[in-house]
């Protein structure tokens, strides 16, 4: 921990430590990463004014499979 945490007795462990103790840190990181990638793809499509159909026409089948994995609705 950093010195600020050591100086303040009211600050506990980090949120990552909590998630790790609950054995869900890797799962939380994976879901967060997928959401960020899906958001970035969506923002890029919006910036280029691309519909899903137009995007599909520009991509190879392998790219579409990869994008499809990220664009699927991630459970909350």
PDB file of N, CA and C in Angstrom:
ATOM      1  N   UNK A   1       0.835  -1.183   0.000  1.00  0.00           N
ATOM      2  CA  UNK A   1       0.000   0.000   0.000  1.00  0.00           C
ATOM      3  C   UNK A   1       0.879   1.245   0.000  1.00  0.00           C
ATOM      4  N   UNK A   2       0.307   2.341  -0.450  1.00  0.00           N
ATOM      5  CA  UNK A   2       1.109   3.565  -0.449  1.00  0.00           C
ATOM      6  C   UNK A   2       1.076   4.208   0.934  1.00  0.00           C
ATOM      7  N   UNK A   3       1.908   5.227   1.125  1.00  0.00           N
ATOM      8  CA  UNK A   3       2.049   5.829   2.450  1.00  0.00           C
ATOM      9  C   UNK A   3       0.774   6.512   2.923  1.00  0.00           C
ATOM     10  N   UNK A   4      -0.060   7.007   1.992  1.00  0.00           N
ATOM     11  CA  UNK A   4      -1.318   7.649   2.389  1.00  0.00           C
ATOM     12  C   UNK A   4      -2.205   6.635   3.121  1.00  0.00           C
ATOM     13  N   UNK A   5      -2.250   5.412   2.628  1.00  0.00           N
ATOM     14  CA  UNK A   5      -3.060   4.383   3.276  1.00  0.00           C
ATOM     15  C   UNK A   5      -2.505   4.031   4.648  1.00  0.00           C
ATOM     16  N   UNK A   6      -1.205   4.026   4.765  1.00  0.00           N
ATOM     17  CA  UNK A   6      -0.586   3.683   6.037  1.00  0.00           C
ATOM     18  C   UNK A   6      -0.829   4.773   7.079  1.00  0.00           C
ATOM     19  N   UNK A   7      -0.911   6.032   6.631  1.00  0.00           N
ATOM     20  CA  UNK A   7      -1.108   7.150   7.545  1.00  0.00           C
ATOM     21  C   UNK A   7      -2.556   7.280   8.009  1.00  0.00           C
ATOM     22  N   UNK A   8      -3.495   6.798   7.238  1.00  0.00           N
ATOM     23  CA  UNK A   8      -4.910   6.954   7.552  1.00  0.00           C
ATOM     24  C   UNK A   8      -5.500   5.599   7.948  1.00  0.00           C
ATOM     25  N   UNK A   9      -5.858   5.427   9.212  1.00  0.00           N
ATOM     26  CA  UNK A   9      -6.385   4.136   9.668  1.00  0.00           C
ATOM     27  C   UNK A   9      -7.779   3.828   9.128  1.00  0.00           C
ATOM     28  N   UNK A  10      -8.439   4.805   8.511  1.00  0.00           N
ATOM     29  CA  UNK A  10      -9.795   4.601   8.004  1.00  0.00           C
ATOM     30  C   UNK A  10      -9.820   4.091   6.564  1.00  0.00           C
ATOM     31  N   UNK A  11      -8.665   3.984   5.959  1.00  0.00           N
ATOM     32  CA  UNK A  11      -8.594   3.479   4.592  1.00  0.00           C
ATOM     33  C   UNK A  11      -8.172   2.022   4.655  1.00  0.00           C
ATOM     34  N   UNK A  12      -8.986   1.179   4.042  1.00  0.00           N
ATOM     35  CA  UNK A  12      -8.714  -0.255   4.066  1.00  0.00           C
ATOM     36  C   UNK A  12      -7.990  -0.705   2.814  1.00  0.00           C
ATOM     37  N   UNK A  13      -8.199  -1.960   2.483  1.00  0.00           N
ATOM     38  CA  UNK A  13      -7.555  -2.529   1.310  1.00  0.00           C
ATOM     39  C   UNK A  13      -8.190  -1.954   0.043  1.00  0.00           C
ATOM     40  N   UNK A  14      -7.567  -2.223  -1.078  1.00  0.00           N
ATOM     41  CA  UNK A  14      -8.056  -1.693  -2.345  1.00  0.00           C
ATOM     42  C   UNK A  14      -9.249  -2.519  -2.836  1.00  0.00           C
ATOM     43  N   UNK A  15      -9.970  -1.946  -3.783  1.00  0.00           N
ATOM     44  CA  UNK A  15     -11.104  -2.643  -4.384  1.00  0.00           C
ATOM     45  C   UNK A  15     -10.618  -3.899  -5.109  1.00  0.00           C
ATOM     46  N   UNK A  16      -9.442  -3.807  -5.748  1.00  0.00           N
ATOM     47  CA  UNK A  16      -8.864  -4.984  -6.402  1.00  0.00           C
ATOM     48  C   UNK A  16      -8.611  -6.099  -5.391  1.00  0.00           C
ATOM     49  N   UNK A  17      -8.134  -5.727  -4.195  1.00  0.00           N
ATOM     50  CA  UNK A  17      -7.906  -6.733  -3.153  1.00  0.00           C
ATOM     51  C   UNK A  17      -9.219  -7.415  -2.772  1.00  0.00           C
ATOM     52  N   UNK A  18     -10.281  -6.613  -2.651  1.00  0.00           N
ATOM     53  CA  UNK A  18     -11.592  -7.170  -2.317  1.00  0.00           C
ATOM     54  C   UNK A  18     -12.057  -8.143  -3.395  1.00  0.00           C
ATOM     55  N   UNK A  19     -11.961  -7.729  -4.656  1.00  0.00           N
ATOM     56  CA  UNK A  19     -12.388  -8.600  -5.757  1.00  0.00           C
ATOM     57  C   UNK A  19     -11.557  -9.874  -5.799  1.00  0.00           C
ATOM     58  N   UNK A  20     -10.286  -9.738  -5.499  1.00  0.00           N
ATOM     59  CA  UNK A  20      -9.401 -10.895  -5.470  1.00  0.00           C
ATOM     60  C   UNK A  20      -9.803 -11.857  -4.351  1.00  0.00           C
ATOM     61  N   UNK A  21     -10.111 -11.314  -3.182  1.00  0.00           N
ATOM     62  CA  UNK A  21     -10.546 -12.148  -2.057  1.00  0.00           C
ATOM     63  C   UNK A  21     -11.850 -12.869  -2.377  1.00  0.00           C
ATOM     64  N   UNK A  22     -12.719 -12.236  -3.172  1.00  0.00           N
ATOM     65  CA  UNK A  22     -13.991 -12.847  -3.575  1.00  0.00           C
ATOM     66  C   UNK A  22     -13.812 -13.790  -4.771  1.00  0.00           C
ATOM     67  N   UNK A  23     -12.585 -13.898  -5.268  1.00  0.00           N
ATOM     68  CA  UNK A  23     -12.225 -14.748  -6.408  1.00  0.00           C
ATOM     69  C   UNK A  23     -12.979 -14.358  -7.684  1.00  0.00           C
ATOM     70  N   UNK A  24     -13.185 -13.047  -7.873  1.00  0.00           N
ATOM     71  CA  UNK A  24     -13.880 -12.587  -9.076  1.00  0.00           C
ATOM     72  C   UNK A  24     -13.104 -11.495  -9.812  1.00  0.00           C
ATOM     73  N   UNK A  25     -11.874 -11.230  -9.413  1.00  0.00           N
ATOM     74  CA  UNK A  25     -11.095 -10.164 -10.031  1.00  0.00           C
ATOM     75  C   UNK A  25     -10.918 -10.393 -11.530  1.00  0.00           C
ATOM     76  N   UNK A  26     -10.515 -11.587 -11.930  1.00  0.00           N
ATOM     77  CA  UNK A  26     -10.289 -11.871 -13.354  1.00  0.00           C
ATOM     78  C   UNK A  26     -11.573 -11.716 -14.163  1.00  0.00           C
ATOM     79  N   UNK A  27     -12.682 -12.193 -13.618  1.00  0.00           N
ATOM     80  CA  UNK A  27     -13.968 -12.082 -14.305  1.00  0.00           C
ATOM     81  C   UNK A  27     -14.376 -10.614 -14.470  1.00  0.00           C
ATOM     82  N   UNK A  28     -14.203  -9.824 -13.431  1.00  0.00           N
ATOM     83  CA  UNK A  28     -14.558  -8.400 -13.480  1.00  0.00           C
ATOM     84  C   UNK A  28     -13.689  -7.668 -14.496  1.00  0.00           C
ATOM     85  N   UNK A  29     -12.403  -7.970 -14.526  1.00  0.00           N
ATOM     86  CA  UNK A  29     -11.498  -7.336 -15.488  1.00  0.00           C
ATOM     87  C   UNK A  29     -11.900  -7.720 -16.912  1.00  0.00           C
ATOM     88  N   UNK A  30     -12.242  -8.988 -17.135  1.00  0.00           N
ATOM     89  CA  UNK A  30     -12.636  -9.440 -18.474  1.00  0.00           C
ATOM     90  C   UNK A  30     -13.901  -8.735 -18.949  1.00  0.00           C
ATOM     91  N   UNK A  31     -14.909  -8.630 -18.091  1.00  0.00           N
ATOM     92  CA  UNK A  31     -16.161  -7.962 -18.467  1.00  0.00           C
ATOM     93  C   UNK A  31     -15.908  -6.484 -18.738  1.00  0.00           C
ATOM     94  N   UNK A  32     -15.124  -5.842 -17.896  1.00  0.00           N
ATOM     95  CA  UNK A  32     -14.827  -4.414 -18.082  1.00  0.00           C
ATOM     96  C   UNK A  32     -14.075  -4.187 -19.394  1.00  0.00           C
ATOM     97  N   UNK A  33     -13.125  -5.053 -19.706  1.00  0.00           N
ATOM     98  CA  UNK A  33     -12.366  -4.938 -20.949  1.00  0.00           C
ATOM     99  C   UNK A  33     -13.277  -5.087 -22.159  1.00  0.00           C
ATOM    100  N   UNK A  34     -14.169  -6.078 -22.119  1.00  0.00           N
ATOM    101  CA  UNK A  34     -15.101  -6.285 -23.236  1.00  0.00           C
ATOM    102  C   UNK A  34     -16.008  -5.074 -23.418  1.00  0.00           C
ATOM    103  N   UNK A  35     -16.461  -4.512 -22.326  1.00  0.00           N
ATOM    104  CA  UNK A  35     -17.331  -3.331 -22.417  1.00  0.00           C
ATOM    105  C   UNK A  35     -16.599  -2.144 -23.017  1.00  0.00           C
ATOM    106  N   UNK A  36     -15.345  -1.943 -22.638  1.00  0.00           N
ATOM    107  CA  UNK A  36     -14.564  -0.832 -23.182  1.00  0.00           C
ATOM    108  C   UNK A  36     -14.333  -1.034 -24.677  1.00  0.00           C
ATOM    109  N   UNK A  37     -13.987  -2.246 -25.075  1.00  0.00           N
ATOM    110  CA  UNK A  37     -13.755  -2.521 -26.500  1.00  0.00           C
ATOM    111  C   UNK A  37     -15.038  -2.330 -27.293  1.00  0.00           C
ATOM    112  N   UNK A  38     -16.160  -2.826 -26.780  1.00  0.00           N
ATOM    113  CA  UNK A  38     -17.443  -2.647 -27.464  1.00  0.00           C
ATOM    114  C   UNK A  38     -17.780  -1.164 -27.585  1.00  0.00           C
ATOM    115  N   UNK A  39     -17.527  -0.400 -26.540  1.00  0.00           N
ATOM    116  CA  UNK A  39     -17.788   1.039 -26.565  1.00  0.00           C
ATOM    117  C   UNK A  39     -16.897   1.726 -27.598  1.00  0.00           C
ATOM    118  N   UNK A  40     -15.615   1.340 -27.651  1.00  0.00           N
ATOM    119  CA  UNK A  40     -14.697   1.945 -28.616  1.00  0.00           C
ATOM    120  C   UNK A  40     -15.128   1.637 -30.050  1.00  0.00           C
ATOM    121  N   UNK A  41     -15.555   0.411 -30.310  1.00  0.00           N
ATOM    122  CA  UNK A  41     -16.040   0.053 -31.643  1.00  0.00           C
ATOM    123  C   UNK A  41     -17.272   0.880 -31.982  1.00  0.00           C
ATOM    124  N   UNK A  42     -18.185   0.977 -31.051  1.00  0.00           N
ATOM    125  CA  UNK A  42     -19.411   1.748 -31.261  1.00  0.00           C
ATOM    126  C   UNK A  42     -19.104   3.219 -31.525  1.00  0.00           C
ATOM    127  N   UNK A  43     -18.198   3.805 -30.743  1.00  0.00           N
ATOM    128  CA  UNK A  43     -17.814   5.201 -30.937  1.00  0.00           C
ATOM    129  C   UNK A  43     -17.152   5.404 -32.296  1.00  0.00           C
ATOM    130  N   UNK A  44     -16.310   4.460 -32.683  1.00  0.00           N
ATOM    131  CA  UNK A  44     -15.653   4.547 -33.988  1.00  0.00           C
ATOM    132  C   UNK A  44     -16.654   4.469 -35.124  1.00  0.00           C
ATOM    133  N   UNK A  45     -17.624   3.590 -34.980  1.00  0.00           N
ATOM    134  CA  UNK A  45     -18.676   3.477 -35.998  1.00  0.00           C
ATOM    135  C   UNK A  45     -19.478   4.764 -36.075  1.00  0.00           C
ATOM    136  N   UNK A  46     -19.788   5.353 -34.933  1.00  0.00           N
ATOM    137  CA  UNK A  46     -20.536   6.617 -34.909  1.00  0.00           C
ATOM    138  C   UNK A  46     -19.738   7.737 -35.556  1.00  0.00           C
ATOM    139  N   UNK A  47     -18.447   7.813 -35.226  1.00  0.00           N
ATOM    140  CA  UNK A  47     -17.596   8.867 -35.779  1.00  0.00           C
ATOM    141  C   UNK A  47     -17.503   8.765 -37.303  1.00  0.00           C
ATOM    142  N   UNK A  48     -17.489   7.538 -37.804  1.00  0.00           N
ATOM    143  CA  UNK A  48     -17.407   7.312 -39.250  1.00  0.00           C
ATOM    144  C   UNK A  48     -18.785   7.239 -39.902  1.00  0.00           C
ATOM    145  N   UNK A  49     -19.822   7.381 -39.066  1.00  0.00           N
ATOM    146  CA  UNK A  49     -21.210   7.287 -39.537  1.00  0.00           C
ATOM    147  C   UNK A  49     -21.459   5.966 -40.263  1.00  0.00           C
ATOM    148  N   UNK A  50     -21.003   4.886 -39.639  1.00  0.00           N
ATOM    149  CA  UNK A  50     -21.165   3.545 -40.200  1.00  0.00           C
ATOM    150  C   UNK A  50     -22.283   2.809 -39.485  1.00  0.00           C
ATOM    151  N   UNK A  51     -23.192   2.243 -40.252  1.00  0.00           N
ATOM    152  CA  UNK A  51     -24.197   1.363 -39.671  1.00  0.00           C
ATOM    153  C   UNK A  51     -23.561  -0.014 -39.479  1.00  0.00           C
ATOM    154  N   UNK A  52     -24.249  -0.892 -38.793  1.00  0.00           N
ATOM    155  CA  UNK A  52     -23.741  -2.258 -38.630  1.00  0.00           C
ATOM    156  C   UNK A  52     -23.592  -2.936 -39.987  1.00  0.00           C
ATOM    157  N   UNK A  53     -24.527  -2.662 -40.899  1.00  0.00           N
ATOM    158  CA  UNK A  53     -24.475  -3.249 -42.239  1.00  0.00           C
ATOM    159  C   UNK A  53     -23.261  -2.735 -43.005  1.00  0.00           C
ATOM    160  N   UNK A  54     -23.023  -1.422 -42.954  1.00  0.00           N
ATOM    161  CA  UNK A  54     -21.865  -0.845 -43.643  1.00  0.00           C
ATOM    162  C   UNK A  54     -20.562  -1.374 -43.050  1.00  0.00           C
ATOM    163  N   UNK A  55     -20.537  -1.514 -41.751  1.00  0.00           N
ATOM    164  CA  UNK A  55     -19.348  -2.053 -41.084  1.00  0.00           C
ATOM    165  C   UNK A  55     -19.108  -3.485 -41.550  1.00  0.00           C
ATOM    166  N   UNK A  56     -20.165  -4.263 -41.644  1.00  0.00           N
ATOM    167  CA  UNK A  56     -20.050  -5.660 -42.064  1.00  0.00           C
ATOM    168  C   UNK A  56     -19.489  -5.762 -43.478  1.00  0.00           C
ATOM    169  N   UNK A  57     -19.870  -4.844 -44.345  1.00  0.00           N
ATOM    170  CA  UNK A  57     -19.375  -4.873 -45.725  1.00  0.00           C
ATOM    171  C   UNK A  57     -17.889  -4.546 -45.799  1.00  0.00           C
ATOM    172  N   UNK A  58     -17.374  -3.786 -44.846  1.00  0.00           N
ATOM    173  CA  UNK A  58     -15.971  -3.377 -44.847  1.00  0.00           C
ATOM    174  C   UNK A  58     -15.048  -4.404 -44.186  1.00  0.00           C
ATOM    175  N   UNK A  59     -15.616  -5.322 -43.427  1.00  0.00           N
ATOM    176  CA  UNK A  59     -14.809  -6.259 -42.646  1.00  0.00           C
ATOM    177  C   UNK A  59     -14.705  -7.621 -43.305  1.00  0.00           C
ATOM    178  N   UNK A  60     -13.611  -8.306 -43.019  1.00  0.00           N
ATOM    179  CA  UNK A  60     -13.471  -9.704 -43.432  1.00  0.00           C
ATOM    180  C   UNK A  60     -14.303 -10.565 -42.478  1.00  0.00           C
ATOM    181  N   UNK A  61     -14.610 -11.797 -42.861  1.00  0.00           N
ATOM    182  CA  UNK A  61     -15.358 -12.671 -41.946  1.00  0.00           C
ATOM    183  C   UNK A  61     -14.676 -12.855 -40.585  1.00  0.00           C
ATOM    184  N   UNK A  62     -13.352 -12.947 -40.578  1.00  0.00           N
ATOM    185  CA  UNK A  62     -12.632 -13.111 -39.311  1.00  0.00           C
ATOM    186  C   UNK A  62     -12.802 -11.867 -38.435  1.00  0.00           C
ATOM    187  N   UNK A  63     -12.744 -10.686 -39.041  1.00  0.00           N
ATOM    188  CA  UNK A  63     -12.929  -9.450 -38.282  1.00  0.00           C
ATOM    189  C   UNK A  63     -14.347  -9.371 -37.730  1.00  0.00           C
ATOM    190  N   UNK A  64     -15.310  -9.799 -38.526  1.00  0.00           N
ATOM    191  CA  UNK A  64     -16.703  -9.767 -38.072  1.00  0.00           C
ATOM    192  C   UNK A  64     -16.926 -10.682 -36.879  1.00  0.00           C
ATOM    193  N   UNK A  65     -16.297 -11.858 -36.902  1.00  0.00           N
ATOM    194  CA  UNK A  65     -16.431 -12.772 -35.757  1.00  0.00           C
ATOM    195  C   UNK A  65     -15.845 -12.134 -34.505  1.00  0.00           C
ATOM    196  N   UNK A  66     -14.687 -11.489 -34.650  1.00  0.00           N
ATOM    197  CA  UNK A  66     -14.042 -10.850 -33.506  1.00  0.00           C
ATOM    198  C   UNK A  66     -14.896  -9.695 -32.994  1.00  0.00           C
ATOM    199  N   UNK A  67     -15.359  -8.851 -33.894  1.00  0.00           N
ATOM    200  CA  UNK A  67     -16.190  -7.712 -33.493  1.00  0.00           C
ATOM    201  C   UNK A  67     -17.486  -8.205 -32.869  1.00  0.00           C
ATOM    202  N   UNK A  68     -18.061  -9.243 -33.429  1.00  0.00           N
ATOM    203  CA  UNK A  68     -19.303  -9.801 -32.892  1.00  0.00           C
ATOM    204  C   UNK A  68     -19.154 -10.256 -31.459  1.00  0.00           C
ATOM    205  N   UNK A  69     -17.995 -10.802 -31.127  1.00  0.00           N
ATOM    206  CA  UNK A  69     -17.736 -11.234 -29.749  1.00  0.00           C
ATOM    207  C   UNK A  69     -17.779 -10.050 -28.803  1.00  0.00           C
ATOM    208  N   UNK A  70     -17.241  -8.908 -29.226  1.00  0.00           N
ATOM    209  CA  UNK A  70     -17.173  -7.738 -28.364  1.00  0.00           C
ATOM    210  C   UNK A  70     -18.504  -6.996 -28.317  1.00  0.00           C
ATOM    211  N   UNK A  71     -19.272  -7.060 -29.404  1.00  0.00           N
ATOM    212  CA  UNK A  71     -20.487  -6.255 -29.494  1.00  0.00           C
ATOM    213  C   UNK A  71     -21.698  -6.948 -28.850  1.00  0.00           C
ATOM    214  N   UNK A  72     -21.562  -8.229 -28.545  1.00  0.00           N
ATOM    215  CA  UNK A  72     -22.669  -8.928 -27.891  1.00  0.00           C
ATOM    216  C   UNK A  72     -22.966  -8.255 -26.563  1.00  0.00           C
ATOM    217  N   UNK A  73     -24.227  -8.294 -26.185  1.00  0.00           N
ATOM    218  CA  UNK A  73     -24.605  -7.675 -24.916  1.00  0.00           C
ATOM    219  C   UNK A  73     -23.918  -8.435 -23.780  1.00  0.00           C
ATOM    220  N   UNK A  74     -23.224  -7.697 -22.974  1.00  0.00           N
ATOM    221  CA  UNK A  74     -22.530  -8.248 -21.808  1.00  0.00           C
ATOM    222  C   UNK A  74     -23.497  -8.142 -20.614  1.00  0.00           C
ATOM    223  N   UNK A  75     -23.700  -9.231 -19.867  1.00  0.00           N
ATOM    224  CA  UNK A  75     -24.591  -9.142 -18.708  1.00  0.00           C
ATOM    225  C   UNK A  75     -24.090  -8.123 -17.693  1.00  0.00           C
ATOM    226  N   UNK A  76     -25.013  -7.406 -17.098  1.00  0.00           N
ATOM    227  CA  UNK A  76     -24.655  -6.366 -16.121  1.00  0.00           C
ATOM    228  C   UNK A  76     -24.214  -6.958 -14.807  1.00  0.00           C
TER     229      UNK A  76
END
